[in-house]
Amino acid sequence: MVNLTDAANKKVGELSGGMLRRLGIAQALLGKPEILIVDEPTAGLDPEERLRFRNIVKNIKDSSIIIISTHIVEDVASTCDNVIIINKGDILKKGKIQDVKKSNKTYVWKVYISVEEFDMINKNFRVLEYEKREDGYDVKLLSNIKPMDTAKELEPTLEDVYMSIINEK
């Protein structure tokens, strides 16, 4: 399940960091636990192994309660049904991922702006992403209102919702 068959005869001290992480996941799965708590389980894993871990979680989540503590929001969005967003020990939101996304009061917008407008946008809105173009920027931002006439509303990702909730705090 964790892709360590080729390393079966190696000593633990000979394993790479990613292999050690996968060995830890394998150890946690031994005995088919009813509750599995993992902290940053995909840290240090390459993209292929992160996908493998997500598939493992998807395949065992019906038989185990799995609690994942992570900063990698993409891992949560692709594997979990429920989420709790915690900031500095305070629970800010909890529930089914789709419900948490729907309860968000801030909208995500995509705008194309000139170089001259960038500082104004950056001062007045929470810029999530931007990409420099020849004569301006493509910007993804959070706002309760449409920031300009040319803005297009986007479907928020769980990461967008997380940033919005943290910004409210």
N, C-alpha and C. Protein backbone atom coordinates (compact mmCIF):
# COMPACT_ATOMS: atom_id res chain seq x y z
N MET A 1 0.80 -1.21 0.00
CA MET A 1 0.00 0.00 0.00
C MET A 1 0.84 1.28 0.00
N VAL A 2 1.99 1.24 0.65
CA VAL A 2 2.80 2.46 0.77
C VAL A 2 4.04 2.43 -0.12
N ASN A 3 4.11 1.47 -1.04
CA ASN A 3 5.17 1.41 -2.04
C ASN A 3 6.56 1.25 -1.43
N LEU A 4 6.70 0.32 -0.50
CA LEU A 4 8.01 0.04 0.10
C LEU A 4 8.49 -1.38 -0.18
N THR A 5 7.86 -2.09 -1.08
CA THR A 5 8.22 -3.48 -1.37
C THR A 5 9.69 -3.60 -1.75
N ASP A 6 10.19 -2.68 -2.56
CA ASP A 6 11.60 -2.74 -3.00
C ASP A 6 12.57 -2.50 -1.85
N ALA A 7 12.11 -1.92 -0.77
CA ALA A 7 12.99 -1.62 0.37
C ALA A 7 12.77 -2.60 1.53
N ALA A 8 12.08 -3.69 1.29
CA ALA A 8 11.72 -4.63 2.36
C ALA A 8 12.93 -5.17 3.11
N ASN A 9 14.07 -5.30 2.47
CA ASN A 9 15.26 -5.87 3.12
C ASN A 9 16.23 -4.82 3.64
N LYS A 10 15.88 -3.55 3.51
CA LYS A 10 16.74 -2.48 4.01
C LYS A 10 16.51 -2.26 5.50
N LYS A 11 17.55 -1.79 6.17
CA LYS A 11 17.42 -1.39 7.56
C LYS A 11 16.78 -0.01 7.60
N VAL A 12 16.09 0.29 8.68
CA VAL A 12 15.40 1.56 8.80
C VAL A 12 16.36 2.73 8.62
N GLY A 13 17.56 2.62 9.13
CA GLY A 13 18.56 3.68 9.01
C GLY A 13 19.01 3.95 7.58
N GLU A 14 18.72 3.02 6.67
CA GLU A 14 19.11 3.18 5.27
C GLU A 14 18.01 3.83 4.43
N LEU A 15 16.86 4.07 5.02
CA LEU A 15 15.72 4.62 4.26
C LEU A 15 15.83 6.14 4.13
N SER A 16 15.32 6.65 3.02
CA SER A 16 15.29 8.11 2.81
C SER A 16 14.19 8.71 3.69
N GLY A 17 14.14 10.04 3.74
CA GLY A 17 13.12 10.71 4.54
C GLY A 17 11.71 10.37 4.10
N GLY A 18 11.47 10.37 2.77
CA GLY A 18 10.16 10.01 2.25
C GLY A 18 9.79 8.57 2.56
N MET A 19 10.79 7.67 2.48
CA MET A 19 10.54 6.26 2.79
C MET A 19 10.20 6.10 4.28
N LEU A 20 10.90 6.85 5.12
CA LEU A 20 10.59 6.80 6.56
C LEU A 20 9.16 7.26 6.83
N ARG A 21 8.74 8.31 6.12
CA ARG A 21 7.37 8.82 6.27
C ARG A 21 6.38 7.73 5.87
N ARG A 22 6.65 7.06 4.76
CA ARG A 22 5.76 5.98 4.29
C ARG A 22 5.78 4.79 5.24
N LEU A 23 6.95 4.50 5.83
CA LEU A 23 7.03 3.43 6.82
C LEU A 23 6.16 3.77 8.03
N GLY A 24 6.18 5.03 8.44
CA GLY A 24 5.33 5.47 9.55
C GLY A 24 3.85 5.31 9.24
N ILE A 25 3.48 5.61 8.01
CA ILE A 25 2.08 5.43 7.58
C ILE A 25 1.72 3.95 7.63
N ALA A 26 2.64 3.09 7.14
CA ALA A 26 2.39 1.64 7.17
C ALA A 26 2.23 1.15 8.61
N GLN A 27 3.08 1.61 9.50
CA GLN A 27 2.98 1.21 10.91
C GLN A 27 1.65 1.64 11.52
N ALA A 28 1.21 2.84 11.17
CA ALA A 28 -0.06 3.35 11.70
C ALA A 28 -1.24 2.51 11.22
N LEU A 29 -1.11 1.93 10.03
CA LEU A 29 -2.22 1.15 9.45
C LEU A 29 -2.24 -0.30 9.94
N LEU A 30 -1.15 -0.77 10.55
CA LEU A 30 -1.13 -2.14 11.05
C LEU A 30 -2.25 -2.36 12.07
N GLY A 31 -2.91 -3.46 11.99
CA GLY A 31 -3.97 -3.78 12.93
C GLY A 31 -5.30 -3.11 12.60
N LYS A 32 -5.37 -2.43 11.47
CA LYS A 32 -6.60 -1.78 11.02
C LYS A 32 -7.26 -0.97 12.15
N PRO A 33 -6.64 0.12 12.55
CA PRO A 33 -7.16 0.90 13.68
C PRO A 33 -8.54 1.49 13.40
N GLU A 34 -9.34 1.59 14.47
CA GLU A 34 -10.66 2.23 14.33
C GLU A 34 -10.50 3.73 14.17
N ILE A 35 -9.50 4.28 14.85
CA ILE A 35 -9.21 5.71 14.77
C ILE A 35 -7.75 5.88 14.40
N LEU A 36 -7.50 6.70 13.39
CA LEU A 36 -6.14 6.96 12.94
C LEU A 36 -5.93 8.47 12.98
N ILE A 37 -4.93 8.91 13.72
CA ILE A 37 -4.62 10.34 13.82
C ILE A 37 -3.23 10.54 13.21
N VAL A 38 -3.16 11.38 12.19
CA VAL A 38 -1.88 11.63 11.52
C VAL A 38 -1.61 13.13 11.46
N ASP A 39 -0.36 13.48 11.70
CA ASP A 39 0.06 14.88 11.70
C ASP A 39 0.98 15.11 10.52
N GLU A 40 0.56 15.97 9.60
CA GLU A 40 1.33 16.30 8.40
C GLU A 40 1.83 15.03 7.69
N PRO A 41 0.91 14.12 7.36
CA PRO A 41 1.34 12.83 6.80
C PRO A 41 2.00 12.90 5.43
N THR A 42 1.78 13.95 4.67
CA THR A 42 2.36 14.01 3.33
C THR A 42 3.56 14.96 3.25
N ALA A 43 3.95 15.55 4.38
CA ALA A 43 5.14 16.41 4.38
C ALA A 43 6.35 15.56 3.99
N GLY A 44 7.11 16.05 3.06
CA GLY A 44 8.31 15.33 2.64
C GLY A 44 8.06 14.27 1.59
N LEU A 45 6.82 14.08 1.18
CA LEU A 45 6.53 13.10 0.14
C LEU A 45 6.50 13.78 -1.23
N ASP A 46 6.95 13.07 -2.25
CA ASP A 46 6.87 13.62 -3.60
C ASP A 46 5.42 13.53 -4.08
N PRO A 47 5.07 14.20 -5.17
CA PRO A 47 3.67 14.22 -5.63
C PRO A 47 3.06 12.82 -5.83
N GLU A 48 3.84 11.89 -6.36
CA GLU A 48 3.31 10.54 -6.58
C GLU A 48 2.94 9.87 -5.26
N GLU A 49 3.79 10.02 -4.25
CA GLU A 49 3.51 9.41 -2.95
C GLU A 49 2.39 10.13 -2.21
N ARG A 50 2.25 11.44 -2.42
CA ARG A 50 1.10 12.16 -1.84
C ARG A 50 -0.20 11.62 -2.40
N LEU A 51 -0.23 11.38 -3.73
CA LEU A 51 -1.42 10.81 -4.35
C LEU A 51 -1.68 9.40 -3.81
N ARG A 52 -0.63 8.63 -3.63
CA ARG A 52 -0.79 7.28 -3.07
C ARG A 52 -1.40 7.35 -1.66
N PHE A 53 -0.90 8.29 -0.84
CA PHE A 53 -1.45 8.44 0.51
C PHE A 53 -2.93 8.81 0.46
N ARG A 54 -3.28 9.74 -0.42
CA ARG A 54 -4.69 10.13 -0.55
C ARG A 54 -5.57 8.94 -0.91
N ASN A 55 -5.07 8.10 -1.81
CA ASN A 55 -5.84 6.91 -2.19
C ASN A 55 -5.98 5.93 -1.04
N ILE A 56 -4.93 5.79 -0.24
CA ILE A 56 -5.02 4.93 0.94
C ILE A 56 -6.12 5.44 1.86
N VAL A 57 -6.12 6.74 2.12
CA VAL A 57 -7.14 7.33 3.00
C VAL A 57 -8.54 7.10 2.44
N LYS A 58 -8.71 7.32 1.15
CA LYS A 58 -10.02 7.12 0.52
C LYS A 58 -10.49 5.68 0.67
N ASN A 59 -9.55 4.73 0.61
CA ASN A 59 -9.91 3.32 0.67
C ASN A 59 -10.17 2.82 2.09
N ILE A 60 -9.68 3.51 3.10
CA ILE A 60 -9.91 3.03 4.47
C ILE A 60 -10.86 3.92 5.26
N LYS A 61 -11.30 5.04 4.68
CA LYS A 61 -12.10 5.98 5.48
C LYS A 61 -13.48 5.44 5.85
N ASP A 62 -13.97 4.42 5.16
CA ASP A 62 -15.26 3.83 5.54
C ASP A 62 -15.14 2.90 6.73
N SER A 63 -13.92 2.41 7.00
CA SER A 63 -13.74 1.47 8.11
C SER A 63 -12.99 2.08 9.29
N SER A 64 -12.47 3.29 9.13
CA SER A 64 -11.73 3.95 10.21
C SER A 64 -12.11 5.43 10.26
N ILE A 65 -12.02 5.98 11.44
CA ILE A 65 -12.11 7.43 11.60
C ILE A 65 -10.69 7.94 11.42
N ILE A 66 -10.51 8.87 10.50
CA ILE A 66 -9.17 9.37 10.20
C ILE A 66 -9.14 10.87 10.49
N ILE A 67 -8.24 11.26 11.34
CA ILE A 67 -8.05 12.67 11.67
C ILE A 67 -6.70 13.09 11.10
N ILE A 68 -6.73 14.06 10.20
CA ILE A 68 -5.51 14.54 9.55
C ILE A 68 -5.27 15.98 9.97
N SER A 69 -4.12 16.22 10.56
CA SER A 69 -3.70 17.59 10.86
C SER A 69 -2.69 17.97 9.79
N THR A 70 -3.00 19.02 9.03
CA THR A 70 -2.11 19.40 7.94
C THR A 70 -2.31 20.85 7.54
N HIS A 71 -1.28 21.39 6.93
CA HIS A 71 -1.36 22.72 6.33
C HIS A 71 -1.57 22.62 4.83
N ILE A 72 -1.56 21.40 4.30
CA ILE A 72 -1.73 21.20 2.87
C ILE A 72 -3.22 21.01 2.60
N VAL A 73 -3.88 22.11 2.32
CA VAL A 73 -5.33 22.13 2.19
C VAL A 73 -5.80 21.22 1.05
N GLU A 74 -5.01 21.10 0.01
CA GLU A 74 -5.34 20.23 -1.12
C GLU A 74 -5.52 18.78 -0.67
N ASP A 75 -4.70 18.33 0.28
CA ASP A 75 -4.84 16.96 0.79
C ASP A 75 -6.19 16.78 1.49
N VAL A 76 -6.61 17.77 2.24
CA VAL A 76 -7.90 17.71 2.94
C VAL A 76 -9.04 17.72 1.93
N ALA A 77 -8.99 18.63 0.99
CA ALA A 77 -10.07 18.77 0.01
C ALA A 77 -10.27 17.52 -0.82
N SER A 78 -9.19 16.80 -1.09
CA SER A 78 -9.31 15.63 -1.97
C SER A 78 -9.57 14.33 -1.22
N THR A 79 -9.48 14.31 0.10
CA THR A 79 -9.65 13.05 0.83
C THR A 79 -10.72 13.08 1.91
N CYS A 80 -11.04 14.23 2.43
CA CYS A 80 -11.88 14.30 3.63
C CYS A 80 -13.32 14.71 3.30
N ASP A 81 -14.23 14.29 4.17
CA ASP A 81 -15.63 14.69 4.06
C ASP A 81 -15.92 15.90 4.93
N ASN A 82 -15.26 15.96 6.09
CA ASN A 82 -15.48 17.02 7.06
C ASN A 82 -14.17 17.74 7.33
N VAL A 83 -14.30 18.98 7.77
CA VAL A 83 -13.12 19.79 8.04
C VAL A 83 -13.36 20.62 9.30
N ILE A 84 -12.30 20.86 10.04
CA ILE A 84 -12.32 21.82 11.14
C ILE A 84 -11.17 22.78 10.85
N ILE A 85 -11.49 24.06 10.78
CA ILE A 85 -10.46 25.07 10.54
C ILE A 85 -10.13 25.70 11.88
N ILE A 86 -8.88 25.55 12.29
CA ILE A 86 -8.40 26.02 13.59
C ILE A 86 -7.30 27.04 13.36
N ASN A 87 -7.37 28.13 14.10
CA ASN A 87 -6.32 29.15 14.04
C ASN A 87 -5.95 29.53 15.46
N LYS A 88 -4.71 29.32 15.83
CA LYS A 88 -4.20 29.64 17.17
C LYS A 88 -5.07 29.02 18.25
N GLY A 89 -5.49 27.78 18.03
CA GLY A 89 -6.27 27.04 19.03
C GLY A 89 -7.76 27.30 19.01
N ASP A 90 -8.22 28.26 18.23
CA ASP A 90 -9.65 28.56 18.13
C ASP A 90 -10.26 27.86 16.92
N ILE A 91 -11.41 27.19 17.14
CA ILE A 91 -12.14 26.58 16.03
C ILE A 91 -12.92 27.69 15.34
N LEU A 92 -12.58 27.95 14.08
CA LEU A 92 -13.23 29.01 13.33
C LEU A 92 -14.41 28.50 12.52
N LYS A 93 -14.30 27.31 11.96
CA LYS A 93 -15.38 26.69 11.18
C LYS A 93 -15.24 25.19 11.29
N LYS A 94 -16.37 24.50 11.20
CA LYS A 94 -16.32 23.05 11.12
C LYS A 94 -17.57 22.55 10.43
N GLY A 95 -17.44 21.40 9.82
CA GLY A 95 -18.58 20.79 9.13
C GLY A 95 -18.15 20.09 7.86
N LYS A 96 -19.13 19.69 7.09
CA LYS A 96 -18.85 19.08 5.79
C LYS A 96 -18.18 20.13 4.91
N ILE A 97 -17.23 19.69 4.12
CA ILE A 97 -16.46 20.63 3.31
C ILE A 97 -17.36 21.50 2.45
N GLN A 98 -18.35 20.90 1.78
CA GLN A 98 -19.24 21.69 0.92
C GLN A 98 -20.02 22.72 1.73
N ASP A 99 -20.45 22.37 2.96
CA ASP A 99 -21.19 23.31 3.80
C ASP A 99 -20.28 24.47 4.24
N VAL A 100 -19.05 24.15 4.58
CA VAL A 100 -18.10 25.19 4.99
C VAL A 100 -17.85 26.13 3.82
N LYS A 101 -17.69 25.58 2.62
CA LYS A 101 -17.47 26.43 1.44
C LYS A 101 -18.69 27.31 1.17
N LYS A 102 -19.91 26.76 1.33
CA LYS A 102 -21.13 27.54 1.08
C LYS A 102 -21.36 28.62 2.13
N SER A 103 -20.91 28.37 3.36
CA SER A 103 -21.15 29.33 4.44
C SER A 103 -20.21 30.53 4.37
N ASN A 104 -19.24 30.46 3.51
CA ASN A 104 -18.28 31.54 3.39
C ASN A 104 -18.95 32.80 2.83
N LYS A 105 -18.69 33.93 3.46
CA LYS A 105 -19.34 35.18 3.06
C LYS A 105 -18.50 36.00 2.08
N THR A 106 -17.28 35.61 1.86
CA THR A 106 -16.41 36.35 0.96
C THR A 106 -16.34 35.63 -0.38
N TYR A 107 -16.23 36.40 -1.42
CA TYR A 107 -16.20 35.85 -2.77
C TYR A 107 -14.78 35.91 -3.34
N VAL A 108 -14.53 35.05 -4.29
CA VAL A 108 -13.24 35.00 -4.96
C VAL A 108 -13.42 35.58 -6.36
N TRP A 109 -12.52 36.47 -6.72
CA TRP A 109 -12.62 37.17 -8.00
C TRP A 109 -11.32 37.04 -8.77
N LYS A 110 -11.44 37.06 -10.08
CA LYS A 110 -10.28 37.11 -10.97
C LYS A 110 -10.39 38.41 -11.76
N VAL A 111 -9.33 39.20 -11.75
CA VAL A 111 -9.31 40.46 -12.49
C VAL A 111 -7.99 40.60 -13.22
N TYR A 112 -8.06 41.30 -14.32
CA TYR A 112 -6.83 41.69 -15.02
C TYR A 112 -6.65 43.18 -14.76
N ILE A 113 -5.50 43.56 -14.23
CA ILE A 113 -5.26 44.96 -13.88
C ILE A 113 -3.95 45.44 -14.48
N SER A 114 -3.86 46.74 -14.59
CA SER A 114 -2.62 47.34 -15.10
C SER A 114 -1.57 47.34 -13.99
N VAL A 115 -0.34 47.57 -14.39
CA VAL A 115 0.75 47.66 -13.42
C VAL A 115 0.46 48.76 -12.41
N GLU A 116 -0.10 49.88 -12.88
CA GLU A 116 -0.39 51.02 -12.01
C GLU A 116 -1.47 50.69 -10.97
N GLU A 117 -2.40 49.81 -11.30
CA GLU A 117 -3.49 49.46 -10.39
C GLU A 117 -3.09 48.42 -9.33
N PHE A 118 -1.95 47.77 -9.53
CA PHE A 118 -1.58 46.66 -8.65
C PHE A 118 -1.45 47.08 -7.18
N ASP A 119 -0.77 48.18 -6.90
CA ASP A 119 -0.61 48.62 -5.51
C ASP A 119 -1.94 48.92 -4.86
N MET A 120 -2.86 49.55 -5.60
CA MET A 120 -4.19 49.87 -5.06
C MET A 120 -4.95 48.59 -4.73
N ILE A 121 -4.93 47.63 -5.64
CA ILE A 121 -5.62 46.36 -5.41
C ILE A 121 -5.01 45.64 -4.21
N ASN A 122 -3.69 45.62 -4.16
CA ASN A 122 -2.99 44.92 -3.07
C ASN A 122 -3.26 45.57 -1.71
N LYS A 123 -3.48 46.88 -1.67
CA LYS A 123 -3.77 47.57 -0.41
C LYS A 123 -5.22 47.38 0.03
N ASN A 124 -6.14 47.28 -0.91
CA ASN A 124 -7.56 47.26 -0.59
C ASN A 124 -8.22 45.88 -0.56
N PHE A 125 -7.54 44.87 -1.06
CA PHE A 125 -8.10 43.53 -1.12
C PHE A 125 -7.07 42.50 -0.70
N ARG A 126 -7.55 41.34 -0.32
CA ARG A 126 -6.65 40.22 0.02
C ARG A 126 -6.32 39.50 -1.28
N VAL A 127 -5.12 39.74 -1.78
CA VAL A 127 -4.66 39.10 -3.02
C VAL A 127 -4.20 37.69 -2.68
N LEU A 128 -4.80 36.71 -3.37
CA LEU A 128 -4.44 35.31 -3.15
C LEU A 128 -3.32 34.86 -4.09
N GLU A 129 -3.44 35.26 -5.34
CA GLU A 129 -2.46 34.89 -6.36
C GLU A 129 -2.37 36.02 -7.38
N TYR A 130 -1.23 36.14 -8.00
CA TYR A 130 -1.12 37.05 -9.13
C TYR A 130 -0.04 36.54 -10.07
N GLU A 131 -0.22 36.89 -11.32
CA GLU A 131 0.74 36.51 -12.34
C GLU A 131 0.99 37.70 -13.24
N LYS A 132 2.25 38.05 -13.40
CA LYS A 132 2.64 39.19 -14.23
C LYS A 132 2.44 38.85 -15.70
N ARG A 133 1.82 39.76 -16.41
CA ARG A 133 1.65 39.67 -17.86
C ARG A 133 2.45 40.81 -18.49
N GLU A 134 2.40 40.94 -19.80
CA GLU A 134 3.19 41.98 -20.48
C GLU A 134 2.90 43.38 -19.96
N ASP A 135 1.61 43.71 -19.83
CA ASP A 135 1.25 45.08 -19.45
C ASP A 135 0.40 45.15 -18.18
N GLY A 136 0.43 44.09 -17.38
CA GLY A 136 -0.36 44.09 -16.15
C GLY A 136 -0.27 42.77 -15.42
N TYR A 137 -1.34 42.50 -14.65
CA TYR A 137 -1.36 41.30 -13.81
C TYR A 137 -2.72 40.61 -13.89
N ASP A 138 -2.70 39.28 -13.90
CA ASP A 138 -3.90 38.49 -13.60
C ASP A 138 -3.88 38.30 -12.10
N VAL A 139 -4.96 38.70 -11.43
CA VAL A 139 -5.01 38.67 -9.97
C VAL A 139 -6.22 37.87 -9.51
N LYS A 140 -6.02 37.02 -8.52
CA LYS A 140 -7.10 36.31 -7.84
C LYS A 140 -7.16 36.90 -6.43
N LEU A 141 -8.35 37.38 -6.05
CA LEU A 141 -8.45 38.07 -4.76
C LEU A 141 -9.76 37.75 -4.04
N LEU A 142 -9.78 38.07 -2.77
CA LEU A 142 -10.98 37.92 -1.94
C LEU A 142 -11.65 39.27 -1.78
N SER A 143 -12.98 39.30 -1.86
CA SER A 143 -13.71 40.54 -1.62
C SER A 143 -15.19 40.24 -1.42
N ASN A 144 -15.82 40.98 -0.51
CA ASN A 144 -17.27 40.86 -0.30
C ASN A 144 -18.05 41.51 -1.44
N ILE A 145 -17.39 42.40 -2.15
CA ILE A 145 -18.04 43.12 -3.26
C ILE A 145 -17.23 42.90 -4.54
N LYS A 146 -17.86 43.11 -5.67
CA LYS A 146 -17.16 43.02 -6.94
C LYS A 146 -16.13 44.14 -6.99
N PRO A 147 -14.85 43.82 -7.08
CA PRO A 147 -13.82 44.85 -6.94
C PRO A 147 -13.74 45.82 -8.12
N MET A 148 -14.16 45.39 -9.30
CA MET A 148 -14.20 46.27 -10.47
C MET A 148 -15.10 45.63 -11.50
N ASP A 149 -15.56 46.42 -12.44
CA ASP A 149 -16.53 45.94 -13.43
C ASP A 149 -16.05 44.72 -14.21
N THR A 150 -14.77 44.63 -14.46
CA THR A 150 -14.24 43.54 -15.28
C THR A 150 -13.98 42.25 -14.49
N ALA A 151 -14.21 42.28 -13.18
CA ALA A 151 -13.93 41.11 -12.34
C ALA A 151 -14.89 39.97 -12.65
N LYS A 152 -14.35 38.76 -12.63
CA LYS A 152 -15.17 37.56 -12.84
C LYS A 152 -15.14 36.74 -11.56
N GLU A 153 -16.32 36.34 -11.10
CA GLU A 153 -16.40 35.54 -9.88
C GLU A 153 -15.95 34.11 -10.17
N LEU A 154 -15.16 33.55 -9.24
CA LEU A 154 -14.67 32.18 -9.35
C LEU A 154 -15.31 31.31 -8.28
N GLU A 155 -15.39 30.03 -8.56
CA GLU A 155 -15.80 29.05 -7.55
C GLU A 155 -14.65 28.93 -6.55
N PRO A 156 -14.89 29.18 -5.26
CA PRO A 156 -13.78 29.13 -4.31
C PRO A 156 -13.32 27.70 -4.04
N THR A 157 -12.02 27.55 -3.90
CA THR A 157 -11.45 26.27 -3.47
C THR A 157 -11.49 26.25 -1.94
N LEU A 158 -11.22 25.11 -1.36
CA LEU A 158 -11.15 25.04 0.11
C LEU A 158 -10.03 25.93 0.62
N GLU A 159 -8.95 26.03 -0.11
CA GLU A 159 -7.86 26.92 0.28
C GLU A 159 -8.31 28.38 0.29
N ASP A 160 -9.10 28.78 -0.72
CA ASP A 160 -9.64 30.15 -0.76
C ASP A 160 -10.52 30.41 0.46
N VAL A 161 -11.37 29.44 0.79
CA VAL A 161 -12.26 29.58 1.95
C VAL A 161 -11.44 29.67 3.23
N TYR A 162 -10.42 28.86 3.33
CA TYR A 162 -9.53 28.92 4.50
C TYR A 162 -8.94 30.32 4.65
N MET A 163 -8.42 30.87 3.55
CA MET A 163 -7.83 32.21 3.61
C MET A 163 -8.87 33.26 4.00
N SER A 164 -10.06 33.11 3.50
CA SER A 164 -11.14 34.04 3.83
C SER A 164 -11.47 33.97 5.32
N ILE A 165 -11.60 32.77 5.84
CA ILE A 165 -11.94 32.59 7.26
C ILE A 165 -10.83 33.11 8.15
N ILE A 166 -9.58 32.83 7.80
CA ILE A 166 -8.45 33.33 8.59
C ILE A 166 -8.42 34.85 8.54
N ASN A 167 -8.73 35.45 7.38
CA ASN A 167 -8.75 36.91 7.26
C ASN A 167 -9.84 37.53 8.12
N GLU A 168 -11.01 36.84 8.25
CA GLU A 168 -12.08 37.35 9.11
C GLU A 168 -11.60 37.45 10.54
N LYS A 169 -10.82 36.47 10.97
CA LYS A 169 -10.31 36.41 12.34
C LYS A 169 -9.38 37.56 12.57
